[in-house]
Amino acid sequence: MAGDVYIFTGANDNYDRGNTTHPQAKFAYGSRHIDPIKALNPGLVYETSFQEYLKTWCNLTNANCTVKLSPKEINYPSMAVRVEVGVAVSESFPRTLTNAGASSTYVASIEGDTSKLRFKVDPNTLRFTKRNQKMNFVVTVKGSKMKPSTINSAYVVWNDGVHRVRSPIVVYTRSDGKKDEFRGDC
């Protein structure tokens, strides 16, 4: 899973250009072809362990597991959550990045539509001093109540002047406005 950030990128650029009214929007992505040169030097990677997938499966299936992990907590480049209609948005996505290159300082920015949601990355600067060093950050999303069938999205972009590591953030509601039995995550 370590190569996901650079290897797989959205194939359908029509959805990538802020089309938040299309029913599929950010979920209509496919994968492009691998760029082998960029894959050799991705800068940062989101490493996801088998244990994280197992804990997420336990949560989704209500299996009898001692530790469960919400899908929004899995250390994956994409950050998505389904929120309840008519309730103010307040969600956090904890993540860990691994430096796959030389010492470097990455600064986070938010790109995309920020008119309906507020995004915060903490910390917003990561200073890696060695290869394979891991650093944590949290993306927090806040906003007012959302209507049924709403999709809001943006990206967190980590940039060190050489690499741009972009991860989508998607907050959406159900089309029927009902509360989910399993709250929240895709």
N, C-alpha and C. Protein backbone atom coordinates (compact mmCIF):
# COMPACT_ATOMS: atom_id res chain seq x y z
N MET A 1 0.81 -1.21 0.00
CA MET A 1 0.00 0.00 0.00
C MET A 1 0.84 1.26 0.00
N ALA A 2 2.13 1.13 0.20
CA ALA A 2 2.97 2.31 0.37
C ALA A 2 3.01 3.18 -0.87
N GLY A 3 2.76 2.64 -2.05
CA GLY A 3 2.89 3.44 -3.25
C GLY A 3 1.64 4.17 -3.69
N ASP A 4 0.55 4.03 -2.96
CA ASP A 4 -0.73 4.56 -3.40
C ASP A 4 -0.73 6.05 -3.74
N VAL A 5 0.01 6.85 -2.99
CA VAL A 5 -0.07 8.29 -3.17
C VAL A 5 0.36 8.71 -4.56
N TYR A 6 1.48 8.19 -5.05
CA TYR A 6 1.95 8.61 -6.37
C TYR A 6 1.50 7.68 -7.48
N ILE A 7 1.34 6.41 -7.19
CA ILE A 7 1.06 5.46 -8.25
C ILE A 7 -0.37 5.59 -8.78
N PHE A 8 -1.33 5.72 -7.89
CA PHE A 8 -2.72 5.78 -8.31
C PHE A 8 -3.25 7.20 -8.15
N THR A 9 -3.71 7.75 -9.25
CA THR A 9 -4.28 9.09 -9.22
C THR A 9 -5.60 9.07 -9.97
N GLY A 10 -6.43 10.05 -9.75
CA GLY A 10 -7.75 10.09 -10.38
C GLY A 10 -7.68 10.08 -11.89
N ALA A 11 -8.41 9.19 -12.49
CA ALA A 11 -8.36 9.06 -13.93
C ALA A 11 -9.31 10.01 -14.64
N ASN A 12 -10.42 10.33 -14.01
CA ASN A 12 -11.42 11.15 -14.67
C ASN A 12 -11.30 12.59 -14.20
N ASP A 13 -10.57 13.40 -14.95
CA ASP A 13 -10.31 14.78 -14.54
C ASP A 13 -11.57 15.63 -14.50
N ASN A 14 -12.66 15.21 -15.18
CA ASN A 14 -13.90 15.99 -15.08
C ASN A 14 -14.40 16.02 -13.64
N TYR A 15 -14.26 14.92 -12.93
CA TYR A 15 -14.67 14.88 -11.53
C TYR A 15 -13.67 15.60 -10.64
N ASP A 16 -12.43 15.69 -11.13
CA ASP A 16 -11.35 16.30 -10.36
C ASP A 16 -11.39 17.82 -10.41
N ARG A 17 -12.23 18.41 -11.20
CA ARG A 17 -12.25 19.86 -11.36
C ARG A 17 -13.38 20.52 -10.58
N GLY A 18 -13.68 19.96 -9.42
CA GLY A 18 -14.63 20.61 -8.53
C GLY A 18 -16.09 20.33 -8.81
N ASN A 19 -16.39 19.32 -9.61
CA ASN A 19 -17.79 18.99 -9.90
C ASN A 19 -18.37 18.29 -8.67
N THR A 20 -18.94 19.07 -7.75
CA THR A 20 -19.47 18.48 -6.53
C THR A 20 -20.96 18.22 -6.62
N THR A 21 -21.60 18.51 -7.76
CA THR A 21 -23.02 18.27 -7.90
C THR A 21 -23.32 16.92 -8.54
N HIS A 22 -22.36 16.33 -9.24
CA HIS A 22 -22.57 15.03 -9.85
C HIS A 22 -22.73 14.00 -8.73
N PRO A 23 -23.70 13.08 -8.86
CA PRO A 23 -23.96 12.14 -7.77
C PRO A 23 -22.75 11.28 -7.40
N GLN A 24 -21.85 11.05 -8.30
CA GLN A 24 -20.68 10.22 -7.99
C GLN A 24 -19.48 11.05 -7.54
N ALA A 25 -19.38 12.27 -8.04
CA ALA A 25 -18.31 13.22 -7.71
C ALA A 25 -16.99 12.52 -7.41
N LYS A 26 -16.46 12.73 -6.25
CA LYS A 26 -15.13 12.23 -5.91
C LYS A 26 -15.04 10.72 -5.83
N PHE A 27 -16.19 10.04 -5.79
CA PHE A 27 -16.17 8.58 -5.73
C PHE A 27 -16.12 7.96 -7.13
N ALA A 28 -16.10 8.75 -8.17
CA ALA A 28 -16.09 8.23 -9.53
C ALA A 28 -14.68 8.09 -10.08
N TYR A 29 -13.70 8.17 -9.23
CA TYR A 29 -12.32 8.08 -9.68
C TYR A 29 -11.97 6.67 -10.08
N GLY A 30 -11.06 6.57 -11.01
CA GLY A 30 -10.44 5.31 -11.37
C GLY A 30 -8.96 5.49 -11.11
N SER A 31 -8.17 4.59 -11.63
CA SER A 31 -6.72 4.71 -11.51
C SER A 31 -6.11 4.93 -12.87
N ARG A 32 -5.16 5.81 -12.92
CA ARG A 32 -4.42 6.02 -14.16
C ARG A 32 -3.33 4.96 -14.24
N HIS A 33 -2.58 5.07 -15.32
CA HIS A 33 -1.42 4.20 -15.46
C HIS A 33 -0.35 4.63 -14.47
N ILE A 34 0.47 3.71 -14.09
CA ILE A 34 1.56 4.01 -13.16
C ILE A 34 2.59 4.89 -13.86
N ASP A 35 3.07 5.91 -13.14
CA ASP A 35 4.20 6.71 -13.60
C ASP A 35 5.42 6.12 -12.90
N PRO A 36 6.19 5.26 -13.58
CA PRO A 36 7.27 4.54 -12.90
C PRO A 36 8.36 5.46 -12.35
N ILE A 37 8.60 6.57 -12.98
CA ILE A 37 9.63 7.49 -12.48
C ILE A 37 9.20 8.11 -11.15
N LYS A 38 7.96 8.61 -11.07
CA LYS A 38 7.47 9.19 -9.82
C LYS A 38 7.30 8.12 -8.74
N ALA A 39 6.95 6.91 -9.14
CA ALA A 39 6.77 5.83 -8.17
C ALA A 39 8.09 5.46 -7.49
N LEU A 40 9.21 5.69 -8.17
CA LEU A 40 10.51 5.40 -7.57
C LEU A 40 10.89 6.40 -6.48
N ASN A 41 10.33 7.61 -6.56
CA ASN A 41 10.66 8.65 -5.61
C ASN A 41 9.39 9.39 -5.20
N PRO A 42 8.51 8.74 -4.40
CA PRO A 42 7.22 9.34 -4.10
C PRO A 42 7.26 10.46 -3.07
N GLY A 43 8.36 10.59 -2.34
CA GLY A 43 8.44 11.62 -1.30
C GLY A 43 7.86 11.12 0.00
N LEU A 44 6.54 11.03 0.08
CA LEU A 44 5.84 10.57 1.28
C LEU A 44 4.92 9.42 0.92
N VAL A 45 4.69 8.53 1.87
CA VAL A 45 3.73 7.45 1.66
C VAL A 45 2.87 7.28 2.90
N TYR A 46 1.65 6.80 2.69
CA TYR A 46 0.75 6.39 3.76
C TYR A 46 0.87 4.88 3.84
N GLU A 47 1.48 4.37 4.88
CA GLU A 47 1.59 2.92 5.03
C GLU A 47 0.39 2.41 5.82
N THR A 48 -0.23 1.37 5.28
CA THR A 48 -1.40 0.77 5.93
C THR A 48 -1.10 -0.69 6.21
N SER A 49 -1.24 -1.09 7.45
CA SER A 49 -0.91 -2.46 7.83
C SER A 49 -2.12 -3.38 7.69
N PHE A 50 -1.82 -4.66 7.62
CA PHE A 50 -2.88 -5.67 7.59
C PHE A 50 -3.74 -5.55 8.84
N GLN A 51 -3.12 -5.25 9.98
CA GLN A 51 -3.85 -5.12 11.25
C GLN A 51 -4.89 -4.00 11.17
N GLU A 52 -4.56 -2.89 10.49
CA GLU A 52 -5.52 -1.79 10.33
C GLU A 52 -6.73 -2.25 9.52
N TYR A 53 -6.48 -2.99 8.44
CA TYR A 53 -7.59 -3.50 7.64
C TYR A 53 -8.44 -4.47 8.46
N LEU A 54 -7.80 -5.32 9.25
CA LEU A 54 -8.53 -6.28 10.07
C LEU A 54 -9.40 -5.56 11.11
N LYS A 55 -8.85 -4.54 11.77
CA LYS A 55 -9.62 -3.78 12.77
C LYS A 55 -10.79 -3.05 12.11
N THR A 56 -10.60 -2.57 10.89
CA THR A 56 -11.67 -1.89 10.17
C THR A 56 -12.76 -2.91 9.80
N TRP A 57 -12.35 -4.07 9.34
CA TRP A 57 -13.31 -5.13 9.02
C TRP A 57 -14.12 -5.49 10.26
N CYS A 58 -13.45 -5.59 11.41
CA CYS A 58 -14.15 -5.91 12.66
C CYS A 58 -15.24 -4.88 12.93
N ASN A 59 -14.95 -3.63 12.71
CA ASN A 59 -15.92 -2.56 12.95
C ASN A 59 -17.09 -2.65 11.97
N LEU A 60 -16.81 -2.87 10.72
CA LEU A 60 -17.85 -2.89 9.69
C LEU A 60 -18.77 -4.10 9.80
N THR A 61 -18.23 -5.20 10.30
CA THR A 61 -19.02 -6.44 10.35
C THR A 61 -19.58 -6.72 11.73
N ASN A 62 -19.30 -5.87 12.70
CA ASN A 62 -19.70 -6.10 14.10
C ASN A 62 -19.18 -7.42 14.63
N ALA A 63 -18.02 -7.83 14.12
CA ALA A 63 -17.40 -9.07 14.59
C ALA A 63 -16.96 -8.90 16.04
N ASN A 64 -16.78 -10.01 16.71
CA ASN A 64 -16.36 -10.00 18.11
C ASN A 64 -14.85 -9.82 18.18
N CYS A 65 -14.39 -8.57 18.08
CA CYS A 65 -12.97 -8.24 18.11
C CYS A 65 -12.70 -7.34 19.31
N THR A 66 -11.51 -7.44 19.85
CA THR A 66 -11.18 -6.62 21.01
C THR A 66 -10.90 -5.17 20.62
N VAL A 67 -10.34 -4.95 19.45
CA VAL A 67 -10.02 -3.59 19.01
C VAL A 67 -10.67 -3.36 17.65
N LYS A 68 -11.40 -2.27 17.53
CA LYS A 68 -12.04 -1.92 16.27
C LYS A 68 -11.54 -0.56 15.81
N LEU A 69 -11.52 -0.36 14.51
CA LEU A 69 -11.03 0.88 13.92
C LEU A 69 -12.07 1.39 12.92
N SER A 70 -12.44 2.64 13.06
CA SER A 70 -13.38 3.25 12.12
C SER A 70 -12.69 3.40 10.77
N PRO A 71 -13.41 3.23 9.66
CA PRO A 71 -12.80 3.40 8.36
C PRO A 71 -12.13 4.77 8.18
N LYS A 72 -12.64 5.80 8.83
CA LYS A 72 -12.00 7.12 8.66
C LYS A 72 -10.67 7.20 9.40
N GLU A 73 -10.40 6.23 10.29
CA GLU A 73 -9.15 6.23 11.05
C GLU A 73 -8.05 5.39 10.40
N ILE A 74 -8.38 4.62 9.37
CA ILE A 74 -7.37 3.81 8.71
C ILE A 74 -6.37 4.74 8.03
N ASN A 75 -5.10 4.39 8.11
CA ASN A 75 -4.05 5.27 7.57
C ASN A 75 -3.99 5.12 6.05
N TYR A 76 -4.94 5.75 5.40
CA TYR A 76 -5.08 5.64 3.95
C TYR A 76 -5.06 7.06 3.37
N PRO A 77 -4.57 7.25 2.16
CA PRO A 77 -4.50 8.60 1.60
C PRO A 77 -5.86 9.31 1.49
N SER A 78 -6.91 8.58 1.17
CA SER A 78 -8.24 9.18 1.05
C SER A 78 -8.86 9.37 2.42
N MET A 79 -9.57 10.48 2.59
CA MET A 79 -10.26 10.75 3.85
C MET A 79 -11.71 11.04 3.49
N ALA A 80 -12.61 10.18 3.94
CA ALA A 80 -14.02 10.36 3.61
C ALA A 80 -14.89 9.99 4.80
N VAL A 81 -15.97 10.73 4.96
CA VAL A 81 -16.90 10.43 6.04
C VAL A 81 -18.31 10.84 5.62
N ARG A 82 -19.27 9.98 5.95
CA ARG A 82 -20.68 10.31 5.73
C ARG A 82 -21.20 10.89 7.03
N VAL A 83 -21.80 12.08 6.96
CA VAL A 83 -22.30 12.75 8.15
C VAL A 83 -23.82 12.77 8.13
N GLU A 84 -24.39 13.02 9.29
CA GLU A 84 -25.83 13.05 9.43
C GLU A 84 -26.38 14.37 8.87
N VAL A 85 -27.48 14.29 8.14
CA VAL A 85 -28.15 15.46 7.60
C VAL A 85 -28.63 16.34 8.75
N GLY A 86 -28.43 17.65 8.60
CA GLY A 86 -28.94 18.59 9.59
C GLY A 86 -28.13 18.73 10.86
N VAL A 87 -26.95 18.12 10.89
CA VAL A 87 -26.08 18.21 12.07
C VAL A 87 -24.79 18.89 11.64
N ALA A 88 -24.29 19.81 12.45
CA ALA A 88 -23.05 20.51 12.12
C ALA A 88 -21.91 19.50 11.95
N VAL A 89 -21.05 19.76 10.99
CA VAL A 89 -19.94 18.87 10.68
C VAL A 89 -18.77 19.15 11.62
N SER A 90 -18.26 18.10 12.22
CA SER A 90 -17.05 18.19 13.04
C SER A 90 -16.40 16.81 13.02
N GLU A 91 -15.43 16.63 12.16
CA GLU A 91 -14.79 15.33 11.97
C GLU A 91 -13.28 15.49 11.94
N SER A 92 -12.57 14.46 12.38
CA SER A 92 -11.11 14.47 12.36
C SER A 92 -10.59 13.19 11.73
N PHE A 93 -9.50 13.31 10.99
CA PHE A 93 -8.86 12.19 10.32
C PHE A 93 -7.40 12.12 10.77
N PRO A 94 -7.07 11.23 11.69
CA PRO A 94 -5.66 11.07 12.08
C PRO A 94 -4.90 10.27 11.02
N ARG A 95 -3.72 10.72 10.68
CA ARG A 95 -2.92 10.04 9.67
C ARG A 95 -1.45 10.05 10.06
N THR A 96 -0.69 9.11 9.47
CA THR A 96 0.75 9.03 9.64
C THR A 96 1.39 8.98 8.26
N LEU A 97 2.37 9.83 8.04
CA LEU A 97 3.13 9.82 6.79
C LEU A 97 4.52 9.28 7.06
N THR A 98 5.04 8.54 6.09
CA THR A 98 6.40 8.01 6.16
C THR A 98 7.23 8.68 5.08
N ASN A 99 8.38 9.18 5.46
CA ASN A 99 9.29 9.82 4.50
C ASN A 99 9.99 8.74 3.69
N ALA A 100 9.81 8.75 2.39
CA ALA A 100 10.41 7.75 1.52
C ALA A 100 11.65 8.30 0.82
N GLY A 101 12.13 9.46 1.25
CA GLY A 101 13.29 10.06 0.59
C GLY A 101 14.26 10.66 1.59
N ALA A 102 14.99 11.64 1.12
CA ALA A 102 15.99 12.32 1.94
C ALA A 102 15.31 13.27 2.92
N SER A 103 16.10 13.88 3.78
CA SER A 103 15.58 14.89 4.71
C SER A 103 14.84 15.96 3.94
N SER A 104 13.69 16.36 4.45
CA SER A 104 12.89 17.35 3.75
C SER A 104 11.84 17.92 4.68
N THR A 105 11.39 19.14 4.37
CA THR A 105 10.32 19.79 5.12
C THR A 105 9.11 19.93 4.21
N TYR A 106 7.99 19.39 4.64
CA TYR A 106 6.74 19.46 3.87
C TYR A 106 5.78 20.42 4.56
N VAL A 107 5.13 21.23 3.75
CA VAL A 107 4.13 22.17 4.25
C VAL A 107 2.79 21.78 3.65
N ALA A 108 1.76 21.73 4.50
CA ALA A 108 0.42 21.35 4.06
C ALA A 108 -0.36 22.56 3.60
N SER A 109 -1.16 22.37 2.58
CA SER A 109 -2.13 23.37 2.15
C SER A 109 -3.41 22.64 1.80
N ILE A 110 -4.50 23.39 1.80
CA ILE A 110 -5.80 22.83 1.40
C ILE A 110 -6.15 23.43 0.05
N GLU A 111 -6.48 22.57 -0.90
CA GLU A 111 -6.88 23.01 -2.24
C GLU A 111 -8.29 22.52 -2.52
N GLY A 112 -8.99 23.23 -3.36
CA GLY A 112 -10.34 22.84 -3.72
C GLY A 112 -11.35 23.78 -3.12
N ASP A 113 -12.58 23.32 -3.03
CA ASP A 113 -13.69 24.14 -2.55
C ASP A 113 -13.69 24.21 -1.03
N THR A 114 -13.33 25.36 -0.49
CA THR A 114 -13.34 25.56 0.97
C THR A 114 -14.45 26.52 1.38
N SER A 115 -15.43 26.74 0.50
CA SER A 115 -16.49 27.71 0.79
C SER A 115 -17.53 27.17 1.79
N LYS A 116 -17.69 25.85 1.89
CA LYS A 116 -18.72 25.30 2.76
C LYS A 116 -18.18 24.60 4.00
N LEU A 117 -16.91 24.24 3.96
CA LEU A 117 -16.28 23.56 5.09
C LEU A 117 -14.97 24.25 5.43
N ARG A 118 -14.59 24.18 6.71
CA ARG A 118 -13.30 24.71 7.16
C ARG A 118 -12.38 23.53 7.43
N PHE A 119 -11.16 23.63 6.97
CA PHE A 119 -10.19 22.54 7.11
C PHE A 119 -8.99 23.04 7.90
N LYS A 120 -8.48 22.17 8.76
CA LYS A 120 -7.28 22.49 9.52
C LYS A 120 -6.37 21.27 9.51
N VAL A 121 -5.09 21.48 9.26
CA VAL A 121 -4.10 20.42 9.31
C VAL A 121 -3.16 20.73 10.47
N ASP A 122 -3.02 19.78 11.40
CA ASP A 122 -2.20 20.03 12.58
C ASP A 122 -1.30 18.84 12.86
N PRO A 123 0.02 19.04 12.83
CA PRO A 123 0.69 20.28 12.46
C PRO A 123 0.65 20.46 10.95
N ASN A 124 0.85 21.68 10.49
CA ASN A 124 0.80 21.93 9.05
C ASN A 124 2.19 21.92 8.41
N THR A 125 3.22 21.68 9.21
CA THR A 125 4.58 21.52 8.69
C THR A 125 5.18 20.26 9.31
N LEU A 126 5.75 19.41 8.45
CA LEU A 126 6.41 18.19 8.91
C LEU A 126 7.87 18.26 8.47
N ARG A 127 8.79 18.16 9.44
CA ARG A 127 10.23 18.22 9.15
C ARG A 127 10.82 16.82 9.33
N PHE A 128 11.09 16.17 8.21
CA PHE A 128 11.67 14.83 8.25
C PHE A 128 13.19 14.95 8.19
N THR A 129 13.87 14.25 9.08
CA THR A 129 15.33 14.33 9.13
C THR A 129 16.01 13.08 8.59
N LYS A 130 15.22 12.02 8.34
CA LYS A 130 15.82 10.80 7.82
C LYS A 130 14.79 9.99 7.04
N ARG A 131 15.29 9.10 6.23
CA ARG A 131 14.45 8.19 5.44
C ARG A 131 13.70 7.25 6.39
N ASN A 132 12.48 6.90 6.05
CA ASN A 132 11.59 6.00 6.80
C ASN A 132 11.10 6.58 8.12
N GLN A 133 11.36 7.85 8.36
CA GLN A 133 10.83 8.51 9.56
C GLN A 133 9.33 8.69 9.42
N LYS A 134 8.61 8.46 10.50
CA LYS A 134 7.15 8.60 10.49
C LYS A 134 6.75 9.82 11.30
N MET A 135 5.74 10.55 10.80
CA MET A 135 5.21 11.70 11.51
C MET A 135 3.70 11.69 11.40
N ASN A 136 3.04 12.09 12.50
CA ASN A 136 1.58 12.11 12.56
C ASN A 136 1.04 13.50 12.29
N PHE A 137 -0.18 13.54 11.77
CA PHE A 137 -0.92 14.78 11.61
C PHE A 137 -2.40 14.45 11.68
N VAL A 138 -3.21 15.48 11.87
CA VAL A 138 -4.66 15.31 11.92
C VAL A 138 -5.29 16.36 11.02
N VAL A 139 -6.20 15.93 10.16
CA VAL A 139 -7.02 16.85 9.37
C VAL A 139 -8.36 16.97 10.07
N THR A 140 -8.74 18.19 10.42
CA THR A 140 -10.03 18.44 11.05
C THR A 140 -10.91 19.21 10.08
N VAL A 141 -12.15 18.77 9.96
CA VAL A 141 -13.12 19.40 9.06
C VAL A 141 -14.30 19.85 9.90
N LYS A 142 -14.68 21.10 9.72
CA LYS A 142 -15.85 21.65 10.43
C LYS A 142 -16.71 22.42 9.45
N GLY A 143 -17.99 22.46 9.75
CA GLY A 143 -18.90 23.20 8.88
C GLY A 143 -20.31 23.19 9.42
N SER A 144 -21.16 23.91 8.73
CA SER A 144 -22.56 23.99 9.16
C SER A 144 -23.31 22.75 8.68
N LYS A 145 -24.59 22.69 9.01
CA LYS A 145 -25.44 21.56 8.66
C LYS A 145 -25.47 21.35 7.15
N MET A 146 -25.50 20.07 6.76
CA MET A 146 -25.54 19.73 5.34
C MET A 146 -26.91 19.15 4.99
N LYS A 147 -27.35 19.40 3.76
CA LYS A 147 -28.62 18.89 3.26
C LYS A 147 -28.43 17.47 2.70
N PRO A 148 -29.54 16.75 2.44
CA PRO A 148 -29.42 15.42 1.82
C PRO A 148 -28.72 15.51 0.46
N SER A 149 -28.07 14.45 0.09
CA SER A 149 -27.38 14.32 -1.21
C SER A 149 -26.34 15.40 -1.44
N THR A 150 -25.60 15.75 -0.40
CA THR A 150 -24.57 16.78 -0.52
C THR A 150 -23.20 16.13 -0.46
N ILE A 151 -22.32 16.57 -1.34
CA ILE A 151 -20.93 16.12 -1.32
C ILE A 151 -20.05 17.36 -1.33
N ASN A 152 -19.21 17.50 -0.32
CA ASN A 152 -18.22 18.58 -0.27
C ASN A 152 -16.85 17.94 -0.23
N SER A 153 -15.91 18.55 -0.95
CA SER A 153 -14.59 17.94 -0.98
C SER A 153 -13.49 18.98 -1.20
N ALA A 154 -12.31 18.58 -0.82
CA ALA A 154 -11.10 19.37 -1.03
C ALA A 154 -9.93 18.39 -0.98
N TYR A 155 -8.72 18.91 -0.96
CA TYR A 155 -7.52 18.09 -0.88
C TYR A 155 -6.58 18.67 0.16
N VAL A 156 -5.88 17.81 0.86
CA VAL A 156 -4.71 18.26 1.61
C VAL A 156 -3.51 17.93 0.73
N VAL A 157 -2.65 18.92 0.53
CA VAL A 157 -1.46 18.74 -0.32
C VAL A 157 -0.22 19.01 0.52
N TRP A 158 0.66 18.02 0.57
CA TRP A 158 1.95 18.17 1.25
C TRP A 158 2.99 18.46 0.18
N ASN A 159 3.73 19.56 0.34
CA ASN A 159 4.67 20.01 -0.68
C ASN A 159 6.01 20.35 -0.04
N ASP A 160 7.08 19.82 -0.61
CA ASP A 160 8.43 20.17 -0.14
C ASP A 160 9.22 20.90 -1.21
N GLY A 161 8.54 21.36 -2.26
CA GLY A 161 9.22 22.03 -3.36
C GLY A 161 9.62 21.08 -4.47
N VAL A 162 9.67 19.78 -4.18
CA VAL A 162 9.99 18.76 -5.18
C VAL A 162 8.80 17.83 -5.38
N HIS A 163 8.20 17.40 -4.28
CA HIS A 163 7.07 16.47 -4.30
C HIS A 163 5.79 17.18 -3.92
N ARG A 164 4.69 16.78 -4.55
CA ARG A 164 3.33 17.22 -4.18
C ARG A 164 2.54 15.96 -3.91
N VAL A 165 2.24 15.73 -2.64
CA VAL A 165 1.49 14.54 -2.25
C VAL A 165 0.08 14.99 -1.89
N ARG A 166 -0.88 14.61 -2.73
CA ARG A 166 -2.26 15.12 -2.62
C ARG A 166 -3.20 14.01 -2.19
N SER A 167 -4.02 14.32 -1.17
CA SER A 167 -4.99 13.36 -0.65
C SER A 167 -6.37 13.98 -0.62
N PRO A 168 -7.38 13.30 -1.17
CA PRO A 168 -8.74 13.84 -1.16
C PRO A 168 -9.39 13.77 0.21
N ILE A 169 -10.22 14.78 0.49
CA ILE A 169 -11.04 14.82 1.70
C ILE A 169 -12.48 14.98 1.22
N VAL A 170 -13.36 14.05 1.59
CA VAL A 170 -14.74 14.08 1.13
C VAL A 170 -15.68 13.96 2.33
N VAL A 171 -16.65 14.87 2.41
CA VAL A 171 -17.69 14.83 3.45
C VAL A 171 -19.02 14.80 2.70
N TYR A 172 -19.87 13.82 3.01
CA TYR A 172 -21.11 13.68 2.25
C TYR A 172 -22.26 13.22 3.14
N THR A 173 -23.47 13.35 2.61
CA THR A 173 -24.67 12.91 3.33
C THR A 173 -25.41 11.87 2.49
N ARG A 174 -26.30 11.14 3.15
CA ARG A 174 -27.16 10.19 2.44
C ARG A 174 -28.17 10.95 1.61
N SER A 175 -28.65 10.32 0.56
CA SER A 175 -29.63 10.97 -0.30
C SER A 175 -31.00 11.07 0.35
N ASP A 176 -31.34 10.13 1.25
CA ASP A 176 -32.66 10.15 1.87
C ASP A 176 -32.69 10.93 3.18
N GLY A 177 -31.53 11.39 3.64
CA GLY A 177 -31.46 12.19 4.86
C GLY A 177 -31.58 11.42 6.15
N LYS A 178 -31.76 10.10 6.07
CA LYS A 178 -31.93 9.30 7.28
C LYS A 178 -30.60 9.11 8.00
N LYS A 179 -30.70 8.87 9.28
CA LYS A 179 -29.53 8.59 10.08
C LYS A 179 -29.09 7.15 9.79
N ASP A 180 -27.78 6.94 9.72
CA ASP A 180 -27.25 5.61 9.46
C ASP A 180 -27.26 4.76 10.72
N GLU A 181 -27.49 3.47 10.53
CA GLU A 181 -27.34 2.54 11.64
C GLU A 181 -25.87 2.52 12.06
N PHE A 182 -25.00 2.39 11.07
CA PHE A 182 -23.55 2.50 11.32
C PHE A 182 -23.19 3.92 10.95
N ARG A 183 -22.86 4.75 11.93
CA ARG A 183 -22.62 6.17 11.69
C ARG A 183 -21.30 6.36 11.00
N GLY A 184 -21.39 6.84 9.91
CA GLY A 184 -20.51 7.71 9.30
C GLY A 184 -19.63 7.41 8.19
N ASP A 185 -18.86 6.39 8.19
CA ASP A 185 -17.74 6.37 7.26
C ASP A 185 -18.05 5.51 6.05
N CYS A 186 -17.36 5.84 4.99
CA CYS A 186 -17.54 5.05 3.77
C CYS A 186 -16.75 3.79 3.86
